Protein backbone atom coordinates (compact mmCIF):
# COMPACT_ATOMS: atom_id res chain seq x y z
CA MET A 1 238.85 132.54 326.68
CA ALA A 2 235.59 134.45 325.82
CA THR A 3 232.80 134.46 329.02
CA GLY A 4 229.73 132.89 328.22
CA VAL A 5 230.86 129.14 328.56
CA PRO A 6 228.35 127.26 330.30
CA ASP A 7 230.00 127.10 334.14
CA GLU A 8 226.83 127.90 336.41
CA GLU A 9 224.25 125.32 336.65
CA HIS A 10 220.82 125.94 335.22
CA ASP A 11 217.00 124.35 335.51
CA GLY A 12 217.03 121.94 333.35
CA VAL A 13 214.65 121.96 330.05
CA ASP A 14 213.10 119.15 328.42
CA PRO A 15 214.37 118.54 324.84
CA LEU A 16 211.70 117.07 323.60
CA LYS A 17 209.50 120.33 324.16
CA LEU A 18 212.05 122.04 322.10
CA ILE A 19 212.29 120.07 319.07
CA LEU A 20 211.50 122.52 316.52
CA PRO A 21 209.19 124.36 315.61
CA ASP A 22 205.41 123.30 315.84
CA GLU A 23 203.35 123.79 312.38
CA ASP A 24 201.41 126.36 313.77
CA GLU A 25 204.27 128.36 314.58
CA ALA A 26 205.55 127.80 310.93
CA GLU A 27 202.59 128.52 309.31
CA SER A 28 201.93 131.78 311.47
CA GLY A 29 205.12 133.08 309.80
CA THR A 30 207.61 133.22 312.77
CA SER A 31 209.62 130.52 311.46
CA SER A 32 211.68 130.16 308.07
CA VAL A 33 210.99 126.65 307.97
CA GLU A 34 208.31 125.51 305.97
CA PRO A 35 206.81 122.13 306.84
CA GLU A 36 204.40 120.17 304.64
CA ILE A 37 203.06 116.46 305.70
CA ALA A 38 203.74 114.06 302.76
CA ALA A 39 201.07 111.30 301.61
CA ASP A 40 202.98 108.44 304.07
CA SER A 41 202.95 111.14 307.18
CA HIS A 42 206.71 111.94 306.97
CA GLN A 43 207.49 115.79 307.67
CA ILE A 44 209.36 117.40 304.66
CA GLU A 45 210.79 120.39 306.08
CA ARG A 46 212.19 123.44 303.50
CA HIS A 47 214.78 125.99 304.71
CA PHE A 48 215.47 129.01 302.38
CA LEU A 49 219.20 130.02 301.78
CA ARG A 50 219.14 133.36 300.87
CA SER A 51 223.14 132.78 299.72
CA VAL A 52 222.46 131.07 297.05
CA ASN A 53 218.51 131.69 296.55
CA SER A 54 217.80 127.98 296.84
CA THR A 55 216.02 125.60 299.27
CA VAL A 56 217.00 122.76 301.00
CA ALA A 57 214.54 119.84 301.77
CA ILE A 58 214.87 117.49 304.66
CA ARG A 59 212.55 114.63 305.26
CA GLN A 60 212.05 114.08 309.07
CA LEU A 61 210.89 110.74 310.47
CA ARG A 62 209.60 111.72 314.10
CA SER A 63 208.28 108.42 314.67
CA GLN A 64 211.61 106.78 314.71
CA GLY A 65 213.29 109.17 317.49
CA LEU A 66 215.40 112.02 318.27
CA SER A 67 217.97 111.41 315.41
CA PHE A 68 215.25 111.74 312.96
CA GLN A 69 214.53 115.55 313.89
CA LEU A 70 215.16 118.58 313.54
CA TRP A 71 216.52 120.47 316.93
CA PRO A 72 216.82 123.85 317.35
CA ALA A 73 220.37 124.69 317.40
CA ALA A 74 220.42 123.15 313.81
CA THR A 75 218.47 126.02 312.61
CA THR A 76 220.65 128.43 314.15
CA LEU A 77 223.68 126.81 312.77
CA VAL A 78 222.41 127.04 309.29
CA SER A 79 221.21 130.54 309.40
CA ILE A 80 224.83 131.55 310.05
CA LEU A 81 226.65 129.44 307.52
CA ASP A 82 223.98 131.03 305.29
CA ASP A 83 225.17 134.34 306.16
CA SER A 84 228.99 133.22 305.96
CA ALA A 85 230.10 136.46 304.36
CA ALA A 86 229.74 139.13 307.04
CA GLY A 87 227.65 136.79 310.01
CA PRO A 88 229.46 135.24 313.25
CA LEU A 89 231.06 132.84 311.03
CA SER A 90 232.92 135.01 309.08
CA SER A 91 236.47 135.08 311.17
CA THR A 92 236.37 131.27 311.21
CA LEU A 93 236.17 131.07 308.03
CA ALA A 94 238.77 133.35 307.10
CA ALA A 95 241.13 131.28 309.20
CA PHE A 96 241.46 128.80 306.18
CA GLY A 97 242.40 131.73 303.64
CA ASP A 98 241.47 131.00 300.21
CA ARG A 99 241.30 127.38 300.19
CA GLU A 100 239.66 126.38 297.36
CA GLN A 101 237.02 123.95 298.68
CA LEU A 102 236.64 123.53 302.16
CA ARG A 103 236.40 119.96 303.75
CA ILE A 104 233.98 119.63 306.96
CA LEU A 105 232.97 116.80 309.14
CA GLU A 106 229.82 117.06 310.45
CA LEU A 107 229.17 115.04 314.13
CA GLY A 108 225.45 113.54 314.82
CA SER A 109 224.15 114.98 311.57
CA GLY A 110 220.68 113.54 312.22
CA THR A 111 218.61 114.27 309.37
CA GLY A 112 221.67 116.09 307.60
CA LEU A 113 220.30 119.85 307.45
CA VAL A 114 223.64 121.23 308.84
CA GLY A 115 225.97 119.39 306.82
CA ILE A 116 223.94 119.90 303.43
CA ALA A 117 223.27 123.55 304.04
CA ALA A 118 227.11 124.03 304.51
CA ALA A 119 227.69 121.80 301.22
CA ALA A 120 225.16 124.33 299.60
CA ALA A 121 226.24 127.69 301.33
CA LEU A 122 230.06 126.82 301.03
CA GLY A 123 230.35 124.94 298.05
CA ALA A 124 232.05 122.69 300.48
CA ASP A 125 232.88 118.75 300.66
CA VAL A 126 231.05 117.51 303.66
CA THR A 127 231.13 114.36 305.52
CA VAL A 128 227.58 113.73 307.50
CA THR A 129 228.18 111.30 310.05
CA ASP A 130 226.04 109.49 312.45
CA LEU A 131 225.26 105.98 313.67
CA PRO A 132 224.46 103.30 311.35
CA HIS A 133 220.90 102.93 311.77
CA VAL A 134 219.93 106.72 310.92
CA LEU A 135 222.17 106.56 307.89
CA PRO A 136 219.35 105.48 305.14
CA ASN A 137 217.54 108.91 306.01
CA LEU A 138 221.00 110.83 305.58
CA HIS A 139 221.31 109.05 302.34
CA PHE A 140 217.63 110.12 301.25
CA ASN A 141 218.31 114.07 302.22
CA ALA A 142 221.61 113.72 300.61
CA GLU A 143 220.07 112.55 297.54
CA ALA A 144 217.36 114.72 297.12
CA ASN A 145 219.28 117.65 297.59
CA ALA A 146 221.57 116.56 294.89
CA PRO A 147 220.67 119.12 292.30
CA LEU A 148 221.54 122.19 294.62
CA LEU A 149 224.52 120.87 295.60
CA SER A 150 225.36 120.46 291.86
CA SER A 151 224.61 123.81 291.04
CA THR A 152 226.36 125.48 293.94
CA GLY A 153 229.67 122.69 293.62
CA GLY A 154 229.01 121.39 297.14
CA ALA A 155 229.11 117.51 297.61
CA VAL A 156 228.03 115.09 300.56
CA ARG A 157 229.00 111.83 301.84
CA VAL A 158 227.69 109.86 304.64
CA ALA A 159 229.47 107.94 307.05
CA ALA A 160 228.90 105.89 310.30
CA LEU A 161 230.66 107.40 313.12
CA ARG A 162 230.19 106.14 316.27
CA TRP A 163 231.50 108.35 318.91
CA GLY A 164 234.41 107.07 321.10
CA GLU A 165 235.30 104.42 318.32
CA ALA A 166 238.74 104.66 316.79
CA GLU A 167 238.41 102.51 313.85
CA ASP A 168 235.73 104.75 312.66
CA VAL A 169 237.48 107.67 312.62
CA GLU A 170 240.58 105.91 311.14
CA LEU A 171 237.95 105.20 308.12
CA ILE A 172 236.92 108.61 307.86
CA GLY A 173 240.38 110.21 308.60
CA ASN A 174 240.96 113.51 309.89
CA ASP A 175 241.64 115.62 307.09
CA PHE A 176 239.21 118.31 307.75
CA ASP A 177 239.27 122.18 307.89
CA LEU A 178 236.09 122.45 310.05
CA VAL A 179 234.00 120.00 312.18
CA LEU A 180 230.43 121.00 312.89
CA ALA A 181 227.80 119.82 315.44
CA SER A 182 224.19 120.99 316.96
CA ASP A 183 222.40 119.96 319.83
CA VAL A 184 224.73 116.87 320.58
CA VAL A 185 225.64 117.55 324.07
CA TYR A 186 222.34 116.39 325.97
CA TYR A 187 223.41 112.71 327.39
CA ASP A 188 225.68 112.86 329.87
CA TYR A 189 227.04 109.45 329.07
CA LEU A 190 227.76 110.33 325.90
CA PHE A 191 230.21 113.36 326.83
CA ASP A 192 232.97 111.38 327.02
CA PRO A 193 232.73 109.40 324.00
CA LEU A 194 231.87 112.79 321.86
CA LEU A 195 235.14 114.19 323.55
CA GLN A 196 237.05 111.06 322.87
CA THR A 197 236.11 111.63 319.08
CA LEU A 198 237.37 114.99 319.41
CA LYS A 199 240.57 114.29 320.53
CA LEU A 200 241.07 111.56 317.82
CA LEU A 201 239.88 113.81 315.04
CA PHE A 202 242.27 116.91 316.20
CA GLY A 203 245.10 115.29 318.20
CA GLY A 204 244.81 111.97 316.56
CA GLY A 205 248.75 112.75 314.69
CA GLY A 206 250.03 112.24 318.30
CA GLY A 207 251.62 115.46 318.55
CA SER A 208 253.46 115.45 314.89
CA GLN A 209 254.24 118.03 313.40
CA ALA A 210 251.74 117.55 310.76
CA MET A 211 248.96 118.16 313.05
CA MET A 212 251.05 120.96 314.95
CA ASP A 213 250.66 122.48 311.48
CA LYS A 214 247.36 121.75 310.17
CA LYS A 215 244.44 124.36 311.50
CA MET A 216 241.22 122.61 311.75
CA LEU A 217 238.10 124.30 314.07
CA PHE A 218 235.35 122.84 315.50
CA VAL A 219 231.84 124.74 315.56
CA MET A 220 229.09 123.64 317.75
CA ALA A 221 225.62 125.34 318.40
CA HIS A 222 224.03 124.26 321.41
CA LEU A 223 220.92 124.88 323.65
CA ARG A 224 221.27 124.45 327.24
CA ARG A 225 218.68 122.10 328.89
CA TRP A 226 220.12 120.37 331.97
CA LYS A 227 222.60 120.96 334.68
CA LYS A 228 224.94 118.26 333.77
CA ASP A 229 225.68 120.37 330.79
CA SER A 230 228.41 122.16 332.30
CA ALA A 231 230.36 119.19 333.02
CA PHE A 232 230.95 118.88 329.19
CA PHE A 233 232.21 121.95 328.94
CA LYS A 234 234.87 121.83 331.79
CA LYS A 235 235.81 118.65 330.18
CA ALA A 236 236.36 120.68 326.86
CA ARG A 237 238.29 123.25 328.28
CA LYS A 238 241.19 120.73 329.20
CA MET A 239 241.95 120.20 325.26
CA PHE A 240 240.36 123.42 323.56
CA ASP A 241 239.94 127.01 323.76
CA ILE A 242 236.54 127.74 323.45
CA GLU A 243 234.93 131.19 322.57
CA VAL A 244 231.17 132.23 322.20
CA ILE A 245 230.75 133.51 318.61
CA HIS A 246 226.71 133.72 318.52
CA THR A 247 223.86 133.99 320.96
CA ASP A 248 220.13 133.98 320.01
CA GLU A 249 217.32 135.63 321.83
CA PRO A 250 215.75 133.25 324.45
CA CYS A 251 213.27 130.72 322.89
CA PRO A 252 209.59 131.41 323.96
CA GLY A 253 208.99 130.44 327.80
CA SER A 254 212.88 129.84 328.07
CA ARG A 255 215.92 132.03 330.01
CA ILE A 256 218.09 131.19 327.27
CA GLY A 257 218.79 130.56 323.84
CA VAL A 258 221.24 129.00 320.93
CA VAL A 259 224.83 129.65 321.94
CA VAL A 260 227.37 129.13 318.92
CA TYR A 261 230.77 128.06 320.25
CA ARG A 262 234.39 128.18 318.61
CA PHE A 263 236.53 125.35 319.70
CA GLU A 264 240.09 125.56 319.06
CA TRP A 265 242.63 122.79 319.54
CA ARG A 266 245.28 123.25 322.36
CA VAL A 267 248.57 121.43 320.99
CA LYS A 268 249.93 121.26 324.54
CA GLY A 269 247.97 120.99 327.85
CA HIS A 270 245.51 118.40 327.65
CA GLN A 271 247.30 115.41 329.45
CA GLN A 272 244.37 114.28 331.64
CA PRO A 273 242.96 111.71 329.32
CA ILE A 274 239.18 111.19 328.56
CA SER A 275 237.61 107.99 329.84
CA GLN A 276 235.64 105.88 327.35
CA HIS A 277 232.31 104.59 328.11
CA PRO A 278 230.62 102.13 325.72
CA MET A 279 228.13 104.12 323.39
C-alpha cells in the first residue's frame, strides 16, 4: 500500500468554507470554472474539457443544501478525467484494456459534474446516483448536457442510491468497471453505510468465481477536513488496498489539498463485518 493514506489526525476544516469557488476568484482567472447567475438566482457553472474541446454546464442550487453545490474534490477529479490519456488515471484506465465502452458508477453525485464529465471525456456509460430528493437536479444537468454526450458517445443514467441499502444496490446492479466519488467522506455517521455499499458493489457475489475474476476499481477524490476522517480509511483498508494517485497543492489558507485515491478490492482478508447504521 502506498504511503499518503491518512492515518494521523489533523485539524478540522469547515467544509462550508471550502465549497468552491467564490465568484470573485473565478472572475479573476484563478479558476477554470466560469459561473453565471441565472435570472432565477440559480448558479450555472461551465467546465471546459480540453479532451473533447467542449464545455459541461452544471446548475447549482445553493439554497437547497450541500448536495446541490460543487465541492473542491469534484473539480480535481474532473481535471484528471479530462487528462485521462497521460494523467494520474492513465494506469487505472489501462487496467480495463481496450474495452469498447467503460461502465462507470458515481456515488454521491450531487450536481452530477463528475459523472457527466466522465461520460463526455471517456465516452463512458455512466450511472450517477444520490438520495431521491437530489435526483431532479441530476436529471436537469444530465439533460442539459445531452447534446455534448451525444457527440462524444457518452451516456448518463440517473438512479437513487441510499448508502447501506442492499435493495438499492440490487436495482442498479454491480456490473461496473469503475466507481467514482468525490468529497463523500465528511459525516462520520455515513462512513459505515458508504463502506457497506462498497462491499455490496465489490463483494456482492459472495466470493463467486465471477466476482473474483471481475476487475472493478474505486477512485475517490477527498479533501481532508476532520480528524475523524482517518476512521474511514482505517475501516476501508480492511477491504481494499489503497493507493494515492494524485495530490493537489494546498488550498489557500490550508495545509492540505485534494488527494485522489485508488481502491482495489481485496478478495480475501476482509472478514470483519461493517456495521450498518440508518441513513
